[in-house]
Amino acid sequence: FPEGRIRREAVEIGGKSAKPLDQELKQAGIKSDYARDMLHSKDFTTLSIPETLNTVRLKVADLLPGNPTTNQVYAKAKVLGLELVPAETGVRYRLKHKDQPLNEWLFMGMKQITDRHGDPYVFELGRNDGGLWLGRYRAHPDRRWHPEDELVFALRKSV
């Protein structure tokens, strides 16, 4: 694994569909207007049975130098034994981390969900003076990432 600071964490996913998850976001006061289209996309799926997903959170600079593309970041993560997280992980991670530090933003390393205009997005989680956010971030395959951007991936399951 890279030398940078890597955070491992277990996140519970599954057992709830998009509608109850969206309701939980509203009840928690989390702003999710921009992500709502993703939540209600046919490509947003959830597991029917709850399970624990082991995740890692790391900076782009921990994976590759410079400003790599989405495809390059995802390929390097795969080489390191990481997998893309299921889309619902973004919602679950947001609900779990209501104490997120001010002005921190992170992104889900996930299969992009395409909006009605054909633009691919991943979930973006942040906190600013306006509160907690579950947003969306345009993640074209050739989009360049900043070295300090942080992404959440899943640890590959042992077989």
N, C-alpha and C. Protein backbone atom coordinates (compact mmCIF):
# COMPACT_ATOMS: atom_id res chain seq x y z
N PHE A 1 0.82 -1.20 0.00
CA PHE A 1 0.00 0.00 0.00
C PHE A 1 0.86 1.25 0.00
N PRO A 2 0.34 2.36 -0.47
CA PRO A 2 1.09 3.61 -0.49
C PRO A 2 1.48 4.06 0.92
N GLU A 3 2.40 5.00 0.98
CA GLU A 3 2.93 5.48 2.25
C GLU A 3 2.03 6.46 2.98
N GLY A 4 1.12 7.09 2.29
CA GLY A 4 0.29 8.13 2.90
C GLY A 4 -0.63 7.60 3.99
N ARG A 5 -1.33 8.51 4.63
CA ARG A 5 -2.26 8.15 5.69
C ARG A 5 -3.52 7.54 5.07
N ILE A 6 -3.81 6.31 5.45
CA ILE A 6 -4.95 5.59 4.92
C ILE A 6 -5.86 5.24 6.09
N ARG A 7 -7.13 5.52 5.93
CA ARG A 7 -8.10 5.20 6.98
C ARG A 7 -8.96 4.03 6.55
N ARG A 8 -8.98 3.00 7.38
CA ARG A 8 -9.85 1.86 7.16
C ARG A 8 -11.09 2.02 8.03
N GLU A 9 -12.21 1.54 7.49
CA GLU A 9 -13.44 1.69 8.25
C GLU A 9 -14.49 0.71 7.74
N ALA A 10 -15.28 0.18 8.66
CA ALA A 10 -16.40 -0.68 8.29
C ALA A 10 -17.66 0.18 8.18
N VAL A 11 -18.42 -0.04 7.12
CA VAL A 11 -19.66 0.70 6.89
C VAL A 11 -20.76 -0.32 6.61
N GLU A 12 -21.88 -0.16 7.28
CA GLU A 12 -23.03 -1.05 7.05
C GLU A 12 -23.80 -0.56 5.82
N ILE A 13 -24.01 -1.47 4.88
CA ILE A 13 -24.80 -1.16 3.69
C ILE A 13 -25.90 -2.21 3.56
N GLY A 14 -26.87 -1.93 2.70
CA GLY A 14 -27.93 -2.88 2.41
C GLY A 14 -29.11 -2.77 3.36
N GLY A 15 -30.19 -3.43 2.97
CA GLY A 15 -31.38 -3.50 3.82
C GLY A 15 -32.37 -2.36 3.64
N LYS A 16 -32.00 -1.33 2.89
CA LYS A 16 -32.93 -0.20 2.66
C LYS A 16 -32.82 0.24 1.21
N SER A 17 -33.94 0.60 0.66
CA SER A 17 -33.96 1.10 -0.73
C SER A 17 -33.69 2.61 -0.73
N ALA A 18 -33.67 3.18 -1.92
CA ALA A 18 -33.35 4.60 -2.07
C ALA A 18 -34.32 5.52 -1.32
N LYS A 19 -35.59 5.19 -1.35
CA LYS A 19 -36.59 6.08 -0.75
C LYS A 19 -36.38 6.25 0.77
N PRO A 20 -36.23 5.16 1.54
CA PRO A 20 -35.97 5.35 2.97
C PRO A 20 -34.63 6.03 3.25
N LEU A 21 -33.63 5.76 2.41
CA LEU A 21 -32.33 6.42 2.60
C LEU A 21 -32.46 7.93 2.36
N ASP A 22 -33.20 8.29 1.34
CA ASP A 22 -33.44 9.70 1.05
C ASP A 22 -34.18 10.36 2.22
N GLN A 23 -35.14 9.65 2.79
CA GLN A 23 -35.88 10.16 3.94
C GLN A 23 -34.95 10.38 5.14
N GLU A 24 -34.02 9.45 5.37
CA GLU A 24 -33.05 9.59 6.46
C GLU A 24 -32.18 10.83 6.26
N LEU A 25 -31.79 11.08 5.04
CA LEU A 25 -30.99 12.27 4.74
C LEU A 25 -31.77 13.53 5.11
N LYS A 26 -33.03 13.57 4.71
CA LYS A 26 -33.87 14.73 5.01
C LYS A 26 -34.03 14.91 6.52
N GLN A 27 -34.32 13.82 7.23
CA GLN A 27 -34.52 13.89 8.68
C GLN A 27 -33.25 14.33 9.40
N ALA A 28 -32.09 14.00 8.86
CA ALA A 28 -30.82 14.37 9.48
C ALA A 28 -30.41 15.80 9.10
N GLY A 29 -31.19 16.45 8.24
CA GLY A 29 -30.86 17.82 7.83
C GLY A 29 -29.71 17.90 6.85
N ILE A 30 -29.43 16.80 6.17
CA ILE A 30 -28.33 16.77 5.20
C ILE A 30 -28.85 17.27 3.86
N LYS A 31 -28.15 18.23 3.32
CA LYS A 31 -28.54 18.82 2.03
C LYS A 31 -28.12 17.86 0.92
N SER A 32 -29.09 17.46 0.10
CA SER A 32 -28.79 16.47 -0.94
C SER A 32 -29.51 16.75 -2.25
N ASP A 33 -29.85 18.01 -2.48
CA ASP A 33 -30.60 18.35 -3.68
C ASP A 33 -29.89 17.91 -4.96
N TYR A 34 -28.58 18.14 -5.03
CA TYR A 34 -27.83 17.80 -6.24
C TYR A 34 -27.66 16.30 -6.42
N ALA A 35 -27.69 15.55 -5.32
CA ALA A 35 -27.51 14.11 -5.38
C ALA A 35 -28.84 13.37 -5.55
N ARG A 36 -29.93 14.06 -5.38
CA ARG A 36 -31.24 13.40 -5.41
C ARG A 36 -31.48 12.68 -6.74
N ASP A 37 -31.07 13.26 -7.85
CA ASP A 37 -31.24 12.58 -9.14
C ASP A 37 -30.49 11.26 -9.16
N MET A 38 -29.32 11.24 -8.54
CA MET A 38 -28.54 10.00 -8.48
C MET A 38 -29.27 8.95 -7.65
N LEU A 39 -29.82 9.39 -6.52
CA LEU A 39 -30.53 8.47 -5.63
C LEU A 39 -31.72 7.81 -6.31
N HIS A 40 -32.35 8.53 -7.22
CA HIS A 40 -33.55 8.02 -7.87
C HIS A 40 -33.30 7.51 -9.29
N SER A 41 -32.03 7.35 -9.62
CA SER A 41 -31.66 6.78 -10.91
C SER A 41 -31.86 5.27 -10.89
N LYS A 42 -32.13 4.70 -12.05
CA LYS A 42 -32.24 3.24 -12.16
C LYS A 42 -30.90 2.57 -11.85
N ASP A 43 -29.81 3.33 -11.96
CA ASP A 43 -28.48 2.79 -11.70
C ASP A 43 -28.10 2.81 -10.22
N PHE A 44 -28.90 3.46 -9.40
CA PHE A 44 -28.66 3.45 -7.95
C PHE A 44 -29.38 2.23 -7.39
N THR A 45 -28.59 1.27 -6.94
CA THR A 45 -29.16 0.06 -6.37
C THR A 45 -28.65 -0.13 -4.95
N THR A 46 -29.39 -0.90 -4.18
CA THR A 46 -28.99 -1.22 -2.82
C THR A 46 -29.08 -2.73 -2.63
N LEU A 47 -28.31 -3.23 -1.69
CA LEU A 47 -28.39 -4.65 -1.35
C LEU A 47 -29.66 -4.90 -0.55
N SER A 48 -30.31 -6.01 -0.78
CA SER A 48 -31.53 -6.30 -0.03
C SER A 48 -31.21 -6.76 1.39
N ILE A 49 -30.08 -7.40 1.57
CA ILE A 49 -29.68 -7.89 2.89
C ILE A 49 -28.50 -7.07 3.39
N PRO A 50 -28.57 -6.57 4.64
CA PRO A 50 -27.47 -5.77 5.18
C PRO A 50 -26.16 -6.56 5.27
N GLU A 51 -25.07 -5.86 5.05
CA GLU A 51 -23.74 -6.46 5.21
C GLU A 51 -22.75 -5.35 5.56
N THR A 52 -21.61 -5.79 6.06
CA THR A 52 -20.55 -4.85 6.41
C THR A 52 -19.58 -4.75 5.25
N LEU A 53 -19.30 -3.52 4.84
CA LEU A 53 -18.34 -3.25 3.77
C LEU A 53 -17.10 -2.63 4.40
N ASN A 54 -15.95 -3.21 4.16
CA ASN A 54 -14.70 -2.67 4.66
C ASN A 54 -14.14 -1.69 3.64
N THR A 55 -13.98 -0.45 4.07
CA THR A 55 -13.54 0.61 3.16
C THR A 55 -12.17 1.16 3.56
N VAL A 56 -11.56 1.82 2.59
CA VAL A 56 -10.35 2.58 2.84
C VAL A 56 -10.54 3.95 2.22
N ARG A 57 -9.97 4.93 2.87
CA ARG A 57 -10.05 6.31 2.40
C ARG A 57 -8.62 6.80 2.22
N LEU A 58 -8.32 7.28 1.03
CA LEU A 58 -6.97 7.76 0.78
C LEU A 58 -6.96 8.90 -0.21
N LYS A 59 -5.85 9.62 -0.24
CA LYS A 59 -5.70 10.76 -1.15
C LYS A 59 -5.23 10.26 -2.51
N VAL A 60 -5.57 11.02 -3.53
CA VAL A 60 -5.14 10.71 -4.88
C VAL A 60 -3.61 10.62 -4.93
N ALA A 61 -2.93 11.52 -4.20
CA ALA A 61 -1.46 11.53 -4.18
C ALA A 61 -0.90 10.24 -3.59
N ASP A 62 -1.68 9.52 -2.77
CA ASP A 62 -1.24 8.24 -2.24
C ASP A 62 -1.26 7.15 -3.31
N LEU A 63 -2.00 7.41 -4.37
CA LEU A 63 -2.12 6.43 -5.44
C LEU A 63 -1.18 6.73 -6.60
N LEU A 64 -1.20 7.97 -7.05
CA LEU A 64 -0.46 8.35 -8.25
C LEU A 64 0.05 9.79 -8.14
N PRO A 65 1.14 10.12 -8.80
CA PRO A 65 1.63 11.50 -8.80
C PRO A 65 0.83 12.38 -9.75
N GLY A 66 0.93 13.68 -9.56
CA GLY A 66 0.32 14.64 -10.47
C GLY A 66 -1.18 14.69 -10.34
N ASN A 67 -1.83 14.90 -11.48
CA ASN A 67 -3.28 15.01 -11.55
C ASN A 67 -3.84 13.91 -12.44
N PRO A 68 -3.91 12.68 -11.93
CA PRO A 68 -4.37 11.56 -12.75
C PRO A 68 -5.86 11.67 -13.08
N THR A 69 -6.23 10.95 -14.12
CA THR A 69 -7.64 10.91 -14.54
C THR A 69 -8.41 9.92 -13.67
N THR A 70 -9.72 9.99 -13.78
CA THR A 70 -10.58 9.04 -13.07
C THR A 70 -10.20 7.61 -13.44
N ASN A 71 -10.02 7.34 -14.73
CA ASN A 71 -9.66 5.99 -15.16
C ASN A 71 -8.32 5.55 -14.56
N GLN A 72 -7.35 6.45 -14.50
CA GLN A 72 -6.04 6.11 -13.93
C GLN A 72 -6.15 5.82 -12.43
N VAL A 73 -6.92 6.64 -11.72
CA VAL A 73 -7.10 6.44 -10.27
C VAL A 73 -7.77 5.10 -10.01
N TYR A 74 -8.83 4.81 -10.75
CA TYR A 74 -9.55 3.55 -10.56
C TYR A 74 -8.67 2.35 -10.90
N ALA A 75 -7.87 2.45 -11.96
CA ALA A 75 -6.99 1.34 -12.35
C ALA A 75 -5.93 1.09 -11.27
N LYS A 76 -5.35 2.15 -10.73
CA LYS A 76 -4.33 1.99 -9.69
C LYS A 76 -4.95 1.39 -8.43
N ALA A 77 -6.14 1.83 -8.06
CA ALA A 77 -6.82 1.27 -6.89
C ALA A 77 -7.02 -0.23 -7.08
N LYS A 78 -7.40 -0.64 -8.26
CA LYS A 78 -7.61 -2.06 -8.54
C LYS A 78 -6.31 -2.85 -8.38
N VAL A 79 -5.21 -2.31 -8.88
CA VAL A 79 -3.90 -2.96 -8.75
C VAL A 79 -3.55 -3.15 -7.27
N LEU A 80 -3.95 -2.22 -6.43
CA LEU A 80 -3.66 -2.28 -4.99
C LEU A 80 -4.63 -3.16 -4.21
N GLY A 81 -5.56 -3.81 -4.90
CA GLY A 81 -6.49 -4.71 -4.23
C GLY A 81 -7.75 -4.03 -3.74
N LEU A 82 -8.06 -2.88 -4.30
CA LEU A 82 -9.27 -2.15 -3.92
C LEU A 82 -10.32 -2.31 -5.00
N GLU A 83 -11.57 -2.10 -4.59
CA GLU A 83 -12.69 -2.17 -5.53
C GLU A 83 -13.52 -0.91 -5.41
N LEU A 84 -14.33 -0.66 -6.40
CA LEU A 84 -15.27 0.45 -6.34
C LEU A 84 -16.33 0.11 -5.29
N VAL A 85 -16.77 1.11 -4.55
CA VAL A 85 -17.82 0.89 -3.55
C VAL A 85 -19.18 0.89 -4.25
N PRO A 86 -20.15 0.14 -3.72
CA PRO A 86 -21.51 0.25 -4.25
C PRO A 86 -22.01 1.68 -4.04
N ALA A 87 -22.84 2.15 -4.93
CA ALA A 87 -23.33 3.54 -4.86
C ALA A 87 -23.94 3.88 -3.51
N GLU A 88 -24.65 2.95 -2.90
CA GLU A 88 -25.32 3.25 -1.63
C GLU A 88 -24.32 3.60 -0.52
N THR A 89 -23.05 3.25 -0.71
CA THR A 89 -22.03 3.55 0.29
C THR A 89 -21.94 5.05 0.53
N GLY A 90 -22.11 5.85 -0.51
CA GLY A 90 -22.05 7.30 -0.35
C GLY A 90 -23.09 7.81 0.62
N VAL A 91 -24.31 7.31 0.51
CA VAL A 91 -25.39 7.72 1.40
C VAL A 91 -25.11 7.23 2.82
N ARG A 92 -24.72 5.97 2.95
CA ARG A 92 -24.45 5.39 4.27
C ARG A 92 -23.28 6.09 4.96
N TYR A 93 -22.24 6.40 4.20
CA TYR A 93 -21.07 7.08 4.73
C TYR A 93 -21.46 8.49 5.21
N ARG A 94 -22.31 9.16 4.41
CA ARG A 94 -22.77 10.50 4.78
C ARG A 94 -23.56 10.45 6.09
N LEU A 95 -24.47 9.51 6.20
CA LEU A 95 -25.28 9.40 7.41
C LEU A 95 -24.44 9.02 8.63
N LYS A 96 -23.41 8.26 8.43
CA LYS A 96 -22.54 7.82 9.53
C LYS A 96 -21.64 8.95 10.04
N HIS A 97 -21.23 9.83 9.15
CA HIS A 97 -20.25 10.86 9.50
C HIS A 97 -20.87 12.25 9.61
N LYS A 98 -21.76 12.40 10.57
CA LYS A 98 -22.39 13.71 10.79
C LYS A 98 -21.45 14.66 11.51
N ASP A 99 -20.34 14.15 12.01
CA ASP A 99 -19.34 14.97 12.70
C ASP A 99 -18.16 15.31 11.79
N GLN A 100 -18.37 15.24 10.49
CA GLN A 100 -17.32 15.52 9.53
C GLN A 100 -16.71 16.90 9.79
N PRO A 101 -15.38 17.00 9.74
CA PRO A 101 -14.74 18.30 9.97
C PRO A 101 -15.19 19.37 8.96
N LEU A 102 -15.22 20.59 9.42
CA LEU A 102 -15.60 21.73 8.59
C LEU A 102 -14.65 21.85 7.40
N ASN A 103 -15.20 22.12 6.24
CA ASN A 103 -14.48 22.31 4.98
C ASN A 103 -13.74 21.08 4.49
N GLU A 104 -14.20 19.91 4.90
CA GLU A 104 -13.65 18.66 4.38
C GLU A 104 -14.60 18.14 3.32
N TRP A 105 -14.03 17.65 2.21
CA TRP A 105 -14.81 17.09 1.12
C TRP A 105 -14.16 15.79 0.70
N LEU A 106 -14.96 14.77 0.45
CA LEU A 106 -14.42 13.52 -0.05
C LEU A 106 -15.38 12.91 -1.05
N PHE A 107 -14.87 11.94 -1.78
CA PHE A 107 -15.59 11.39 -2.93
C PHE A 107 -15.65 9.88 -2.85
N MET A 108 -16.71 9.31 -3.40
CA MET A 108 -16.83 7.86 -3.44
C MET A 108 -16.17 7.34 -4.71
N GLY A 109 -15.28 6.38 -4.54
CA GLY A 109 -14.70 5.67 -5.68
C GLY A 109 -15.73 4.64 -6.11
N MET A 110 -16.60 5.01 -7.00
CA MET A 110 -17.76 4.19 -7.37
C MET A 110 -17.97 4.23 -8.88
N LYS A 111 -18.75 3.27 -9.37
CA LYS A 111 -19.16 3.32 -10.77
C LYS A 111 -20.04 4.56 -10.92
N GLN A 112 -19.71 5.39 -11.89
CA GLN A 112 -20.43 6.63 -12.06
C GLN A 112 -21.89 6.38 -12.43
N ILE A 113 -22.73 7.28 -11.95
CA ILE A 113 -24.15 7.26 -12.32
C ILE A 113 -24.36 8.42 -13.29
N THR A 114 -24.88 8.10 -14.45
CA THR A 114 -25.05 9.09 -15.51
C THR A 114 -26.39 9.80 -15.36
N ASP A 115 -26.33 11.15 -15.48
CA ASP A 115 -27.56 11.92 -15.39
C ASP A 115 -28.27 11.94 -16.73
N ARG A 116 -29.39 12.62 -16.79
CA ARG A 116 -30.21 12.63 -18.02
C ARG A 116 -29.52 13.33 -19.19
N HIS A 117 -28.43 14.06 -18.91
CA HIS A 117 -27.68 14.74 -19.97
C HIS A 117 -26.46 13.94 -20.41
N GLY A 118 -26.26 12.76 -19.80
CA GLY A 118 -25.14 11.91 -20.17
C GLY A 118 -23.86 12.16 -19.39
N ASP A 119 -23.93 13.01 -18.35
CA ASP A 119 -22.74 13.29 -17.55
C ASP A 119 -22.62 12.30 -16.41
N PRO A 120 -21.43 11.70 -16.23
CA PRO A 120 -21.23 10.72 -15.17
C PRO A 120 -20.83 11.38 -13.84
N TYR A 121 -21.47 10.94 -12.76
CA TYR A 121 -21.23 11.52 -11.44
C TYR A 121 -20.92 10.46 -10.40
N VAL A 122 -20.18 10.88 -9.37
CA VAL A 122 -19.98 10.10 -8.15
C VAL A 122 -20.48 10.95 -6.99
N PHE A 123 -20.72 10.31 -5.85
CA PHE A 123 -21.16 11.06 -4.68
C PHE A 123 -19.99 11.82 -4.07
N GLU A 124 -20.29 13.04 -3.64
CA GLU A 124 -19.34 13.92 -2.97
C GLU A 124 -19.93 14.24 -1.59
N LEU A 125 -19.14 14.09 -0.54
CA LEU A 125 -19.59 14.35 0.81
C LEU A 125 -18.79 15.49 1.39
N GLY A 126 -19.48 16.46 1.95
CA GLY A 126 -18.76 17.60 2.49
C GLY A 126 -19.49 18.29 3.61
N ARG A 127 -18.75 19.20 4.23
CA ARG A 127 -19.32 20.04 5.28
C ARG A 127 -18.72 21.42 5.15
N ASN A 128 -19.59 22.42 5.12
CA ASN A 128 -19.15 23.81 5.13
C ASN A 128 -20.04 24.60 6.07
N ASP A 129 -19.95 25.92 6.03
CA ASP A 129 -20.76 26.75 6.93
C ASP A 129 -22.26 26.52 6.73
N GLY A 130 -22.64 26.01 5.55
CA GLY A 130 -24.04 25.74 5.25
C GLY A 130 -24.53 24.41 5.78
N GLY A 131 -23.65 23.60 6.34
CA GLY A 131 -24.04 22.31 6.91
C GLY A 131 -23.42 21.13 6.21
N LEU A 132 -24.07 19.98 6.38
CA LEU A 132 -23.61 18.72 5.78
C LEU A 132 -24.24 18.55 4.41
N TRP A 133 -23.44 18.02 3.48
CA TRP A 133 -23.89 17.85 2.10
C TRP A 133 -23.64 16.44 1.60
N LEU A 134 -24.57 15.94 0.82
CA LEU A 134 -24.35 14.79 -0.04
C LEU A 134 -24.57 15.34 -1.43
N GLY A 135 -23.49 15.55 -2.13
CA GLY A 135 -23.58 16.14 -3.45
C GLY A 135 -23.15 15.16 -4.52
N ARG A 136 -22.96 15.71 -5.70
CA ARG A 136 -22.48 14.91 -6.82
C ARG A 136 -21.29 15.62 -7.44
N TYR A 137 -20.39 14.84 -7.98
CA TYR A 137 -19.18 15.38 -8.58
C TYR A 137 -19.03 14.76 -9.96
N ARG A 138 -18.86 15.59 -10.95
CA ARG A 138 -18.72 15.10 -12.32
C ARG A 138 -17.40 14.35 -12.43
N ALA A 139 -17.48 13.08 -12.81
CA ALA A 139 -16.29 12.22 -12.84
C ALA A 139 -16.17 11.52 -14.19
N HIS A 140 -15.98 12.32 -15.23
CA HIS A 140 -15.72 11.75 -16.55
C HIS A 140 -14.48 10.86 -16.47
N PRO A 141 -14.37 9.84 -17.30
CA PRO A 141 -13.18 8.98 -17.28
C PRO A 141 -11.86 9.74 -17.43
N ASP A 142 -11.89 10.86 -18.18
CA ASP A 142 -10.66 11.63 -18.38
C ASP A 142 -10.56 12.87 -17.48
N ARG A 143 -11.46 12.97 -16.51
CA ARG A 143 -11.43 14.10 -15.56
C ARG A 143 -10.17 13.99 -14.70
N ARG A 144 -9.49 15.08 -14.49
CA ARG A 144 -8.26 15.10 -13.69
C ARG A 144 -8.59 15.39 -12.24
N TRP A 145 -7.95 14.66 -11.34
CA TRP A 145 -8.15 14.80 -9.90
C TRP A 145 -6.98 15.55 -9.28
N HIS A 146 -7.26 16.30 -8.24
CA HIS A 146 -6.24 17.02 -7.49
C HIS A 146 -5.56 16.03 -6.53
N PRO A 147 -4.25 16.16 -6.31
CA PRO A 147 -3.55 15.23 -5.42
C PRO A 147 -4.12 15.14 -4.01
N GLU A 148 -4.74 16.22 -3.52
CA GLU A 148 -5.28 16.22 -2.15
C GLU A 148 -6.71 15.69 -2.06
N ASP A 149 -7.36 15.44 -3.21
CA ASP A 149 -8.71 14.86 -3.19
C ASP A 149 -8.66 13.51 -2.49
N GLU A 150 -9.68 13.23 -1.67
CA GLU A 150 -9.76 11.96 -0.96
C GLU A 150 -10.91 11.13 -1.50
N LEU A 151 -10.62 9.86 -1.71
CA LEU A 151 -11.63 8.93 -2.22
C LEU A 151 -11.78 7.75 -1.28
N VAL A 152 -12.98 7.17 -1.29
CA VAL A 152 -13.30 5.99 -0.50
C VAL A 152 -13.47 4.82 -1.46
N PHE A 153 -12.72 3.74 -1.21
CA PHE A 153 -12.81 2.51 -1.97
C PHE A 153 -13.13 1.35 -1.02
N ALA A 154 -13.48 0.21 -1.57
CA ALA A 154 -13.73 -0.99 -0.77
C ALA A 154 -12.50 -1.90 -0.84
N LEU A 155 -12.22 -2.56 0.28
CA LEU A 155 -11.19 -3.59 0.27
C LEU A 155 -11.75 -4.80 -0.47
N ARG A 156 -10.93 -5.39 -1.30
CA ARG A 156 -11.36 -6.57 -2.04
C ARG A 156 -11.65 -7.70 -1.05
N LYS A 157 -12.75 -8.37 -1.25
CA LYS A 157 -13.13 -9.48 -0.38
C LYS A 157 -12.23 -10.68 -0.63
N SER A 158 -11.81 -11.33 0.44
CA SER A 158 -11.03 -12.56 0.31
C SER A 158 -11.94 -13.67 -0.18
N VAL A 159 -11.41 -14.53 -1.00
CA VAL A 159 -12.20 -15.64 -1.52
C VAL A 159 -11.83 -16.93 -0.83
